[in-house]
Amino acid sequence: MDSAPETIETTYSSLRTRDECVQDIEEALSLAFQTNSQSGQAFVEMATSLVLSSFGEFGPALAHAQEALRIATTIEHQEWIVATNGALGQLYLLLLESDRAVACLEAALAGAQALGSMIWTGYLTPYLALAYLLRRAFPRAEVVLKAIMPREQQPSNFFERQAALVWGELALAQGEPAVALRIAEQLLVSAPGDARPQPIPLLLALKGEALLALKRLERWKTPNWVRSSDRLYQSSGASSAHWGRSPTCSSARTRRTVSGARPVTSSLNWPRPSMKPHCKSISCGQPWPLSRSESRSLMRQ
């Protein structure tokens, strides 16, 4: 799951290739089947969904998320129900499907709170705020973010860094580019790890858009390390829809806040025609069964 969306939005990426990730997934799925672990299988299907979405393979990612939800619901595994609804919500965010994203993420967050899980609550809340932001429901986004941390607070852990990023997005959407710039710069200089030559595209895009809004273009020039790291991202097979577009390209925010963006779930390139009868609905509440061979086939598309 090193290449899952949430792992590189405010930190450095592991830059693993798709083949490396799929190899790990297939081994994990095989072990889950060998041990007859349905909870293990549900977790692997959920992880597969997150990883495939990071490489822009949204059709297979949705199928795996639905399979994870089906298994988790069948065995009444409440934590995995929360997790898979959250994964679906993240996918719908990438697809600009705000209504479905909100429905899945609200269900996931309610489940996390019922479990009393601070981890899942902290993990899911920023994504729900993003879904409200996509709807331009700014007051609701503020309410849920404040449950994690106030806007002026310095983030001290992974969950707070995610929340801070969304605070920045919200500030930009509300016409406060100076606040967005401050948040982006603080997150950039405080990024954990030792991979400084590597960019963090969403943070750089937020910074760039804030500078554009402030008409401070002289501060936003593309250094060589950004261009070389951009090529490194692309050579790994990572999708621009996953880590945001290159700072040298147009805005990463278009996938989240563009008004009137056309939902794209109806035009997904599903793995094969035989899967389409099982895909009549891709809402968070109607999973369909996948056989072991179908699950493997989706990963190999």
C-alpha atoms as a PDB file:
ATOM      1  CA  MET A   1       0.000   0.000   0.000  1.00  0.00           C
ATOM      2  CA  ASP A   2       3.025   2.279  -0.261  1.00  0.00           C
ATOM      3  CA  SER A   3       1.562   3.671  -3.480  1.00  0.00           C
ATOM      4  CA  ALA A   4      -1.939   4.254  -2.159  1.00  0.00           C
ATOM      5  CA  PRO A   5      -3.209   7.847  -2.578  1.00  0.00           C
ATOM      6  CA  GLU A   6      -3.134   8.857   1.071  1.00  0.00           C
ATOM      7  CA  THR A   7       0.526   7.883   1.478  1.00  0.00           C
ATOM      8  CA  ILE A   8       1.920  10.537  -0.859  1.00  0.00           C
ATOM      9  CA  GLU A   9      -0.416  13.506  -0.610  1.00  0.00           C
ATOM     10  CA  THR A  10       1.595  15.265   2.099  1.00  0.00           C
ATOM     11  CA  THR A  11       4.723  13.072   2.260  1.00  0.00           C
ATOM     12  CA  TYR A  12       7.293  11.549  -0.087  1.00  0.00           C
ATOM     13  CA  SER A  13       6.391   8.609  -2.318  1.00  0.00           C
ATOM     14  CA  SER A  14       8.030   5.201  -2.326  1.00  0.00           C
ATOM     15  CA  LEU A  15       7.962   5.392  -6.169  1.00  0.00           C
ATOM     16  CA  ARG A  16       7.254   1.698  -6.592  1.00  0.00           C
ATOM     17  CA  THR A  17       6.227   0.468 -10.015  1.00  0.00           C
ATOM     18  CA  ARG A  18       2.839  -0.987 -10.805  1.00  0.00           C
ATOM     19  CA  ASP A  19       4.347  -4.428 -11.428  1.00  0.00           C
ATOM     20  CA  GLU A  20       6.023  -4.417  -8.025  1.00  0.00           C
ATOM     21  CA  CYS A  21       2.789  -3.453  -6.307  1.00  0.00           C
ATOM     22  CA  VAL A  22       0.688  -6.020  -8.184  1.00  0.00           C
ATOM     23  CA  GLN A  23       3.206  -8.766  -7.391  1.00  0.00           C
ATOM     24  CA  ASP A  24       2.824  -8.040  -3.671  1.00  0.00           C
ATOM     25  CA  ILE A  25      -0.959  -7.936  -4.010  1.00  0.00           C
ATOM     26  CA  GLU A  26      -1.131 -11.271  -5.796  1.00  0.00           C
ATOM     27  CA  GLU A  27       1.047 -12.911  -3.164  1.00  0.00           C
ATOM     28  CA  ALA A  28      -1.104 -11.474  -0.370  1.00  0.00           C
ATOM     29  CA  LEU A  29      -4.317 -12.595  -2.063  1.00  0.00           C
ATOM     30  CA  SER A  30      -2.906 -16.086  -2.576  1.00  0.00           C
ATOM     31  CA  LEU A  31      -2.023 -16.331   1.115  1.00  0.00           C
ATOM     32  CA  ALA A  32      -5.510 -15.163   2.092  1.00  0.00           C
ATOM     33  CA  PHE A  33      -7.074 -17.911  -0.035  1.00  0.00           C
ATOM     34  CA  GLN A  34      -4.621 -20.549   1.221  1.00  0.00           C
ATOM     35  CA  THR A  35      -5.467 -19.770   4.850  1.00  0.00           C
ATOM     36  CA  ASN A  36      -9.175 -19.450   4.054  1.00  0.00           C
ATOM     37  CA  SER A  37      -9.136 -15.997   5.664  1.00  0.00           C
ATOM     38  CA  GLN A  38     -12.114 -13.992   4.515  1.00  0.00           C
ATOM     39  CA  SER A  39     -11.082 -11.005   6.613  1.00  0.00           C
ATOM     40  CA  GLY A  40      -7.637 -11.211   5.027  1.00  0.00           C
ATOM     41  CA  GLN A  41      -9.165 -11.391   1.577  1.00  0.00           C
ATOM     42  CA  ALA A  42     -11.346  -8.346   2.293  1.00  0.00           C
ATOM     43  CA  PHE A  43      -8.295  -6.382   3.398  1.00  0.00           C
ATOM     44  CA  VAL A  44      -6.281  -7.374   0.323  1.00  0.00           C
ATOM     45  CA  GLU A  45      -9.161  -6.443  -1.983  1.00  0.00           C
ATOM     46  CA  MET A  46      -9.393  -3.045  -0.290  1.00  0.00           C
ATOM     47  CA  ALA A  47      -5.632  -2.512  -0.566  1.00  0.00           C
ATOM     48  CA  THR A  48      -5.778  -3.556  -4.209  1.00  0.00           C
ATOM     49  CA  SER A  49      -8.421  -0.925  -4.851  1.00  0.00           C
ATOM     50  CA  LEU A  50      -6.272   1.811  -3.351  1.00  0.00           C
ATOM     51  CA  VAL A  51      -3.160   0.728  -5.214  1.00  0.00           C
ATOM     52  CA  LEU A  52      -4.827   0.368  -8.619  1.00  0.00           C
ATOM     53  CA  SER A  53      -6.470   3.756  -8.257  1.00  0.00           C
ATOM     54  CA  SER A  54      -3.015   5.209  -7.690  1.00  0.00           C
ATOM     55  CA  PHE A  55      -2.097   4.064 -11.194  1.00  0.00           C
ATOM     56  CA  GLY A  56      -5.292   5.457 -12.711  1.00  0.00           C
ATOM     57  CA  GLU A  57      -7.017   2.077 -13.127  1.00  0.00           C
ATOM     58  CA  PHE A  58     -10.352   3.197 -11.747  1.00  0.00           C
ATOM     59  CA  GLY A  59     -12.572   0.477 -13.244  1.00  0.00           C
ATOM     60  CA  PRO A  60     -10.669  -2.423 -11.659  1.00  0.00           C
ATOM     61  CA  ALA A  61     -10.179  -0.375  -8.494  1.00  0.00           C
ATOM     62  CA  LEU A  62     -13.943   0.049  -8.120  1.00  0.00           C
ATOM     63  CA  ALA A  63     -14.517  -3.658  -8.704  1.00  0.00           C
ATOM     64  CA  HIS A  64     -12.000  -4.604  -6.003  1.00  0.00           C
ATOM     65  CA  ALA A  65     -13.459  -2.088  -3.554  1.00  0.00           C
ATOM     66  CA  GLN A  66     -16.934  -3.493  -4.119  1.00  0.00           C
ATOM     67  CA  GLU A  67     -15.651  -7.026  -3.601  1.00  0.00           C
ATOM     68  CA  ALA A  68     -13.970  -5.955  -0.370  1.00  0.00           C
ATOM     69  CA  LEU A  69     -17.249  -4.439   0.817  1.00  0.00           C
ATOM     70  CA  ARG A  70     -19.206  -7.559  -0.138  1.00  0.00           C
ATOM     71  CA  ILE A  71     -16.882  -9.820   1.846  1.00  0.00           C
ATOM     72  CA  ALA A  72     -16.696  -7.478   4.837  1.00  0.00           C
ATOM     73  CA  THR A  73     -20.486  -7.173   4.927  1.00  0.00           C
ATOM     74  CA  THR A  74     -20.949 -10.938   4.621  1.00  0.00           C
ATOM     75  CA  ILE A  75     -18.683 -11.683   7.579  1.00  0.00           C
ATOM     76  CA  GLU A  76     -19.888  -8.591   9.470  1.00  0.00           C
ATOM     77  CA  HIS A  77     -16.364  -7.262   9.886  1.00  0.00           C
ATOM     78  CA  GLN A  78     -17.213  -3.743  11.030  1.00  0.00           C
ATOM     79  CA  GLU A  79     -13.724  -2.309  10.680  1.00  0.00           C
ATOM     80  CA  TRP A  80     -13.323  -3.498   7.099  1.00  0.00           C
ATOM     81  CA  ILE A  81     -16.797  -2.186   6.266  1.00  0.00           C
ATOM     82  CA  VAL A  82     -15.583   1.207   7.458  1.00  0.00           C
ATOM     83  CA  ALA A  83     -12.330   0.883   5.522  1.00  0.00           C
ATOM     84  CA  THR A  84     -13.908  -0.207   2.245  1.00  0.00           C
ATOM     85  CA  ASN A  85     -16.561   2.492   2.336  1.00  0.00           C
ATOM     86  CA  GLY A  86     -13.688   4.908   2.842  1.00  0.00           C
ATOM     87  CA  ALA A  87     -11.804   3.461  -0.125  1.00  0.00           C
ATOM     88  CA  LEU A  88     -14.896   3.849  -2.289  1.00  0.00           C
ATOM     89  CA  GLY A  89     -15.267   7.424  -1.125  1.00  0.00           C
ATOM     90  CA  GLN A  90     -11.674   8.173  -2.139  1.00  0.00           C
ATOM     91  CA  LEU A  91     -12.285   6.690  -5.575  1.00  0.00           C
ATOM     92  CA  TYR A  92     -15.408   8.757  -6.109  1.00  0.00           C
ATOM     93  CA  LEU A  93     -13.452  11.860  -5.125  1.00  0.00           C
ATOM     94  CA  LEU A  94     -10.957  11.122  -7.895  1.00  0.00           C
ATOM     95  CA  LEU A  95     -13.864  10.638 -10.289  1.00  0.00           C
ATOM     96  CA  LEU A  96     -15.500  13.946  -9.235  1.00  0.00           C
ATOM     97  CA  GLU A  97     -18.602  12.040  -8.095  1.00  0.00           C
ATOM     98  CA  SER A  98     -19.324  14.245  -5.101  1.00  0.00           C
ATOM     99  CA  ASP A  99     -22.677  12.732  -4.101  1.00  0.00           C
ATOM    100  CA  ARG A 100     -21.358   9.177  -4.058  1.00  0.00           C
ATOM    101  CA  ALA A 101     -18.169  10.287  -2.329  1.00  0.00           C
ATOM    102  CA  VAL A 102     -20.128  12.004   0.430  1.00  0.00           C
ATOM    103  CA  ALA A 103     -22.469   9.023   0.875  1.00  0.00           C
ATOM    104  CA  CYS A 104     -19.625   6.520   1.202  1.00  0.00           C
ATOM    105  CA  LEU A 105     -17.446   8.713   3.401  1.00  0.00           C
ATOM    106  CA  GLU A 106     -20.293   9.700   5.713  1.00  0.00           C
ATOM    107  CA  ALA A 107     -21.153   6.018   6.153  1.00  0.00           C
ATOM    108  CA  ALA A 108     -17.500   5.190   6.768  1.00  0.00           C
ATOM    109  CA  LEU A 109     -16.987   7.978   9.294  1.00  0.00           C
ATOM    110  CA  ALA A 110     -20.191   7.084  11.150  1.00  0.00           C
ATOM    111  CA  GLY A 111     -18.948   3.496  11.388  1.00  0.00           C
ATOM    112  CA  ALA A 112     -15.536   4.630  12.623  1.00  0.00           C
ATOM    113  CA  GLN A 113     -17.130   6.751  15.317  1.00  0.00           C
ATOM    114  CA  ALA A 114     -19.402   3.867  16.346  1.00  0.00           C
ATOM    115  CA  LEU A 115     -16.274   1.710  16.740  1.00  0.00           C
ATOM    116  CA  GLY A 116     -14.585   4.458  18.727  1.00  0.00           C
ATOM    117  CA  SER A 117     -11.628   4.315  16.333  1.00  0.00           C
ATOM    118  CA  MET A 118      -9.526   7.474  16.495  1.00  0.00           C
ATOM    119  CA  ILE A 119      -7.329   6.136  13.688  1.00  0.00           C
ATOM    120  CA  TRP A 120     -10.137   5.637  11.167  1.00  0.00           C
ATOM    121  CA  THR A 121     -11.834   8.858  12.256  1.00  0.00           C
ATOM    122  CA  GLY A 122      -8.633  10.814  11.720  1.00  0.00           C
ATOM    123  CA  TYR A 123      -7.971   9.081   8.419  1.00  0.00           C
ATOM    124  CA  LEU A 124     -11.451   9.522   6.904  1.00  0.00           C
ATOM    125  CA  THR A 125     -12.353  13.014   8.061  1.00  0.00           C
ATOM    126  CA  PRO A 126     -10.103  14.959   5.634  1.00  0.00           C
ATOM    127  CA  TYR A 127     -11.532  13.005   2.695  1.00  0.00           C
ATOM    128  CA  LEU A 128     -15.084  13.794   3.784  1.00  0.00           C
ATOM    129  CA  ALA A 129     -14.098  17.460   4.012  1.00  0.00           C
ATOM    130  CA  LEU A 130     -12.750  17.215   0.444  1.00  0.00           C
ATOM    131  CA  ALA A 131     -16.049  15.731  -0.691  1.00  0.00           C
ATOM    132  CA  TYR A 132     -17.899  18.676   0.865  1.00  0.00           C
ATOM    133  CA  LEU A 133     -15.396  21.001  -0.802  1.00  0.00           C
ATOM    134  CA  LEU A 134     -16.146  19.379  -4.143  1.00  0.00           C
ATOM    135  CA  ARG A 135     -19.810  20.168  -3.487  1.00  0.00           C
ATOM    136  CA  ARG A 136     -18.783  23.701  -2.470  1.00  0.00           C
ATOM    137  CA  ALA A 137     -20.358  23.054   0.921  1.00  0.00           C
ATOM    138  CA  PHE A 138     -17.635  25.071   2.635  1.00  0.00           C
ATOM    139  CA  PRO A 139     -19.267  25.399   6.100  1.00  0.00           C
ATOM    140  CA  ARG A 140     -19.682  21.623   6.362  1.00  0.00           C
ATOM    141  CA  ALA A 141     -16.067  21.108   5.331  1.00  0.00           C
ATOM    142  CA  GLU A 142     -14.966  23.508   8.073  1.00  0.00           C
ATOM    143  CA  VAL A 143     -17.022  21.706  10.700  1.00  0.00           C
ATOM    144  CA  VAL A 144     -15.524  18.284  10.033  1.00  0.00           C
ATOM    145  CA  LEU A 145     -11.962  19.633   9.744  1.00  0.00           C
ATOM    146  CA  LYS A 146     -12.242  21.391  13.096  1.00  0.00           C
ATOM    147  CA  ALA A 147     -12.924  17.986  14.633  1.00  0.00           C
ATOM    148  CA  ILE A 148      -9.348  17.068  13.686  1.00  0.00           C
ATOM    149  CA  MET A 149      -7.548  20.377  14.246  1.00  0.00           C
ATOM    150  CA  PRO A 150      -8.120  24.147  14.011  1.00  0.00           C
ATOM    151  CA  ARG A 151      -6.864  25.814  10.845  1.00  0.00           C
ATOM    152  CA  GLU A 152      -4.075  27.711  12.639  1.00  0.00           C
ATOM    153  CA  GLN A 153      -2.700  24.651  14.448  1.00  0.00           C
ATOM    154  CA  GLN A 154       0.609  23.188  13.300  1.00  0.00           C
ATOM    155  CA  PRO A 155       0.142  19.522  12.284  1.00  0.00           C
ATOM    156  CA  SER A 156       2.021  17.031  14.408  1.00  0.00           C
ATOM    157  CA  ASN A 157       1.109  13.687  12.806  1.00  0.00           C
ATOM    158  CA  PHE A 158      -0.016  12.082   9.555  1.00  0.00           C
ATOM    159  CA  PHE A 159      -3.736  12.674  10.097  1.00  0.00           C
ATOM    160  CA  GLU A 160      -3.220  16.322  10.962  1.00  0.00           C
ATOM    161  CA  ARG A 161      -1.037  16.810   7.880  1.00  0.00           C
ATOM    162  CA  GLN A 162      -3.875  15.463   5.751  1.00  0.00           C
ATOM    163  CA  ALA A 163      -6.308  17.807   7.475  1.00  0.00           C
ATOM    164  CA  ALA A 164      -3.933  20.755   7.015  1.00  0.00           C
ATOM    165  CA  LEU A 165      -3.751  20.079   3.268  1.00  0.00           C
ATOM    166  CA  VAL A 166      -7.536  20.237   3.041  1.00  0.00           C
ATOM    167  CA  TRP A 167      -7.551  23.422   5.124  1.00  0.00           C
ATOM    168  CA  GLY A 168      -5.255  24.843   2.451  1.00  0.00           C
ATOM    169  CA  GLU A 169      -7.541  23.696  -0.348  1.00  0.00           C
ATOM    170  CA  LEU A 170     -10.507  25.207   1.458  1.00  0.00           C
ATOM    171  CA  ALA A 171      -8.730  28.513   2.027  1.00  0.00           C
ATOM    172  CA  LEU A 172      -7.881  28.735  -1.666  1.00  0.00           C
ATOM    173  CA  ALA A 173     -11.477  27.961  -2.656  1.00  0.00           C
ATOM    174  CA  GLN A 174     -12.730  30.651  -0.278  1.00  0.00           C
ATOM    175  CA  GLY A 175     -10.444  33.330  -1.689  1.00  0.00           C
ATOM    176  CA  GLU A 176      -7.718  33.245   0.962  1.00  0.00           C
ATOM    177  CA  PRO A 177      -4.599  32.441  -1.071  1.00  0.00           C
ATOM    178  CA  ALA A 178      -2.220  33.848   1.557  1.00  0.00           C
ATOM    179  CA  VAL A 179      -3.500  31.288   4.053  1.00  0.00           C
ATOM    180  CA  ALA A 180      -3.249  28.506   1.464  1.00  0.00           C
ATOM    181  CA  LEU A 181       0.344  29.552   0.696  1.00  0.00           C
ATOM    182  CA  ARG A 182       1.320  29.530   4.357  1.00  0.00           C
ATOM    183  CA  ILE A 183      -0.140  26.066   4.854  1.00  0.00           C
ATOM    184  CA  ALA A 184       1.501  24.655   1.715  1.00  0.00           C
ATOM    185  CA  GLU A 185       4.926  26.024   2.604  1.00  0.00           C
ATOM    186  CA  GLN A 186       4.692  24.772   6.186  1.00  0.00           C
ATOM    187  CA  LEU A 187       3.761  21.280   5.003  1.00  0.00           C
ATOM    188  CA  LEU A 188       6.595  21.258   2.467  1.00  0.00           C
ATOM    189  CA  VAL A 189       9.325  22.236   4.919  1.00  0.00           C
ATOM    190  CA  SER A 190       8.050  19.843   7.589  1.00  0.00           C
ATOM    191  CA  ALA A 191       7.604  16.772   5.368  1.00  0.00           C
ATOM    192  CA  PRO A 192       8.959  13.708   7.188  1.00  0.00           C
ATOM    193  CA  GLY A 193      11.668  11.570   5.665  1.00  0.00           C
ATOM    194  CA  ASP A 194      14.871  12.259   3.794  1.00  0.00           C
ATOM    195  CA  ALA A 195      13.896  12.533   0.139  1.00  0.00           C
ATOM    196  CA  ARG A 196      14.284  16.267  -0.408  1.00  0.00           C
ATOM    197  CA  PRO A 197      15.092  16.064  -4.142  1.00  0.00           C
ATOM    198  CA  GLN A 198      11.661  14.491  -4.672  1.00  0.00           C
ATOM    199  CA  PRO A 199       8.588  16.716  -5.080  1.00  0.00           C
ATOM    200  CA  ILE A 200       5.251  16.332  -3.325  1.00  0.00           C
ATOM    201  CA  PRO A 201       2.996  17.324  -6.242  1.00  0.00           C
ATOM    202  CA  LEU A 202      -0.228  18.181  -4.412  1.00  0.00           C
ATOM    203  CA  LEU A 203       1.578  20.486  -2.002  1.00  0.00           C
ATOM    204  CA  LEU A 204       3.537  22.131  -4.805  1.00  0.00           C
ATOM    205  CA  ALA A 205       0.347  22.576  -6.830  1.00  0.00           C
ATOM    206  CA  LEU A 206      -1.388  24.179  -3.836  1.00  0.00           C
ATOM    207  CA  LYS A 207       1.581  26.504  -3.369  1.00  0.00           C
ATOM    208  CA  GLY A 208       1.673  27.362  -7.065  1.00  0.00           C
ATOM    209  CA  GLU A 209      -2.026  28.166  -7.249  1.00  0.00           C
ATOM    210  CA  ALA A 210      -1.799  30.309  -4.137  1.00  0.00           C
ATOM    211  CA  LEU A 211       1.096  32.241  -5.689  1.00  0.00           C
ATOM    212  CA  LEU A 212      -0.865  32.656  -8.921  1.00  0.00           C
ATOM    213  CA  ALA A 213      -3.839  33.994  -6.984  1.00  0.00           C
ATOM    214  CA  LEU A 214      -1.505  36.422  -5.197  1.00  0.00           C
ATOM    215  CA  LYS A 215       0.073  37.395  -8.559  1.00  0.00           C
ATOM    216  CA  ARG A 216       3.519  36.454  -7.260  1.00  0.00           C
ATOM    217  CA  LEU A 217       4.637  34.596 -10.350  1.00  0.00           C
ATOM    218  CA  GLU A 218       8.318  35.283  -9.795  1.00  0.00           C
ATOM    219  CA  ARG A 219       8.351  32.795  -6.912  1.00  0.00           C
ATOM    220  CA  TRP A 220       6.938  29.925  -8.942  1.00  0.00           C
ATOM    221  CA  LYS A 221       9.629  28.687 -11.285  1.00  0.00           C
ATOM    222  CA  THR A 222      10.242  25.044 -12.076  1.00  0.00           C
ATOM    223  CA  PRO A 223      13.666  23.899 -10.840  1.00  0.00           C
ATOM    224  CA  ASN A 224      15.471  21.009 -12.508  1.00  0.00           C
ATOM    225  CA  TRP A 225      14.797  18.647  -9.603  1.00  0.00           C
ATOM    226  CA  VAL A 226      11.042  19.028 -10.112  1.00  0.00           C
ATOM    227  CA  ARG A 227      11.316  18.183 -13.815  1.00  0.00           C
ATOM    228  CA  SER A 228      13.597  15.193 -13.210  1.00  0.00           C
ATOM    229  CA  SER A 229      11.390  13.880 -10.396  1.00  0.00           C
ATOM    230  CA  ASP A 230       8.346  14.360 -12.607  1.00  0.00           C
ATOM    231  CA  ARG A 231       9.956  12.017 -15.119  1.00  0.00           C
ATOM    232  CA  LEU A 232      10.717   9.592 -12.291  1.00  0.00           C
ATOM    233  CA  TYR A 233       7.050   9.536 -11.258  1.00  0.00           C
ATOM    234  CA  GLN A 234       5.944   8.885 -14.805  1.00  0.00           C
ATOM    235  CA  SER A 235       8.517   6.122 -15.328  1.00  0.00           C
ATOM    236  CA  SER A 236       7.157   4.347 -12.245  1.00  0.00           C
ATOM    237  CA  GLY A 237       3.741   4.247 -13.909  1.00  0.00           C
ATOM    238  CA  ALA A 238       1.996   6.447 -11.354  1.00  0.00           C
ATOM    239  CA  SER A 239      -1.107   8.174 -12.643  1.00  0.00           C
ATOM    240  CA  SER A 240      -1.406  11.936 -12.690  1.00  0.00           C
ATOM    241  CA  ALA A 241      -4.947  11.492 -11.401  1.00  0.00           C
ATOM    242  CA  HIS A 242      -3.412   9.889  -8.303  1.00  0.00           C
ATOM    243  CA  TRP A 243      -0.683  12.267  -7.203  1.00  0.00           C
ATOM    244  CA  GLY A 244      -2.025  15.415  -8.791  1.00  0.00           C
ATOM    245  CA  ARG A 245      -0.640  16.905 -11.955  1.00  0.00           C
ATOM    246  CA  SER A 246       2.934  18.026 -12.340  1.00  0.00           C
ATOM    247  CA  PRO A 247       3.693  21.521 -11.022  1.00  0.00           C
ATOM    248  CA  THR A 248       4.667  22.339 -14.616  1.00  0.00           C
ATOM    249  CA  CYS A 249       1.154  21.484 -15.827  1.00  0.00           C
ATOM    250  CA  SER A 250      -2.299  22.744 -15.011  1.00  0.00           C
ATOM    251  CA  SER A 251      -3.946  22.627 -11.616  1.00  0.00           C
ATOM    252  CA  ALA A 252      -4.244  19.501  -9.524  1.00  0.00           C
ATOM    253  CA  ARG A 253      -7.310  21.055  -7.987  1.00  0.00           C
ATOM    254  CA  THR A 254      -9.304  20.605 -11.185  1.00  0.00           C
ATOM    255  CA  ARG A 255     -10.013  17.020 -10.201  1.00  0.00           C
ATOM    256  CA  ARG A 256     -11.569  18.187  -6.941  1.00  0.00           C
ATOM    257  CA  THR A 257     -13.129  21.610  -7.319  1.00  0.00           C
ATOM    258  CA  VAL A 258     -13.940  22.302 -10.967  1.00  0.00           C
ATOM    259  CA  SER A 259     -17.530  23.456 -11.168  1.00  0.00           C
ATOM    260  CA  GLY A 260     -19.720  21.340 -13.405  1.00  0.00           C
ATOM    261  CA  ALA A 261     -17.167  18.625 -14.064  1.00  0.00           C
ATOM    262  CA  ARG A 262     -18.723  15.648 -15.857  1.00  0.00           C
ATOM    263  CA  PRO A 263     -18.802  12.434 -13.791  1.00  0.00           C
ATOM    264  CA  VAL A 264     -16.769   9.782 -15.543  1.00  0.00           C
ATOM    265  CA  THR A 265     -17.925   6.540 -13.951  1.00  0.00           C
ATOM    266  CA  SER A 266     -20.225   5.898 -16.885  1.00  0.00           C
ATOM    267  CA  SER A 267     -17.292   5.908 -19.309  1.00  0.00           C
ATOM    268  CA  LEU A 268     -14.887   3.725 -17.352  1.00  0.00           C
ATOM    269  CA  ASN A 269     -12.968   1.204 -19.400  1.00  0.00           C
ATOM    270  CA  TRP A 270     -14.051  -1.948 -17.603  1.00  0.00           C
ATOM    271  CA  PRO A 271     -11.671  -4.903 -17.843  1.00  0.00           C
ATOM    272  CA  ARG A 272     -13.841  -6.998 -20.122  1.00  0.00           C
ATOM    273  CA  PRO A 273     -17.450  -7.142 -21.376  1.00  0.00           C
ATOM    274  CA  SER A 274     -18.291 -10.142 -19.198  1.00  0.00           C
ATOM    275  CA  MET A 275     -17.869  -7.997 -16.076  1.00  0.00           C
ATOM    276  CA  LYS A 276     -20.426  -5.400 -17.147  1.00  0.00           C
ATOM    277  CA  PRO A 277     -23.520  -7.352 -16.060  1.00  0.00           C
ATOM    278  CA  HIS A 278     -22.048  -7.338 -12.530  1.00  0.00           C
ATOM    279  CA  CYS A 279     -21.481  -3.573 -12.662  1.00  0.00           C
ATOM    280  CA  LYS A 280     -25.027  -2.264 -12.900  1.00  0.00           C
ATOM    281  CA  SER A 281     -24.381  -0.199  -9.809  1.00  0.00           C
ATOM    282  CA  ILE A 282     -21.145   1.109  -8.409  1.00  0.00           C
ATOM    283  CA  SER A 283     -22.658   2.907  -5.462  1.00  0.00           C
ATOM    284  CA  CYS A 284     -21.169   2.171  -2.054  1.00  0.00           C
ATOM    285  CA  GLY A 285     -24.089   0.040  -0.934  1.00  0.00           C
ATOM    286  CA  GLN A 286     -24.442  -2.558  -3.717  1.00  0.00           C
ATOM    287  CA  PRO A 287     -21.448  -4.881  -4.042  1.00  0.00           C
ATOM    288  CA  TRP A 288     -21.226  -7.769  -6.494  1.00  0.00           C
ATOM    289  CA  PRO A 289     -19.296 -11.039  -6.148  1.00  0.00           C
ATOM    290  CA  LEU A 290     -15.924 -11.643  -7.775  1.00  0.00           C
ATOM    291  CA  SER A 291     -14.433 -15.079  -8.140  1.00  0.00           C
ATOM    292  CA  ARG A 292     -10.794 -15.685  -7.344  1.00  0.00           C
ATOM    293  CA  SER A 293      -9.950 -15.816 -11.055  1.00  0.00           C
ATOM    294  CA  GLU A 294     -11.846 -12.582 -11.716  1.00  0.00           C
ATOM    295  CA  SER A 295     -10.007 -10.840  -8.902  1.00  0.00           C
ATOM    296  CA  ARG A 296      -6.642 -11.892 -10.312  1.00  0.00           C
ATOM    297  CA  SER A 297      -7.691 -11.011 -13.847  1.00  0.00           C
ATOM    298  CA  LEU A 298      -8.594  -7.463 -12.839  1.00  0.00           C
ATOM    299  CA  MET A 299      -5.145  -6.924 -11.370  1.00  0.00           C
ATOM    300  CA  ARG A 300      -3.463  -8.094 -14.561  1.00  0.00           C
ATOM    301  CA  GLN A 301      -5.350  -5.722 -16.917  1.00  0.00           C
END
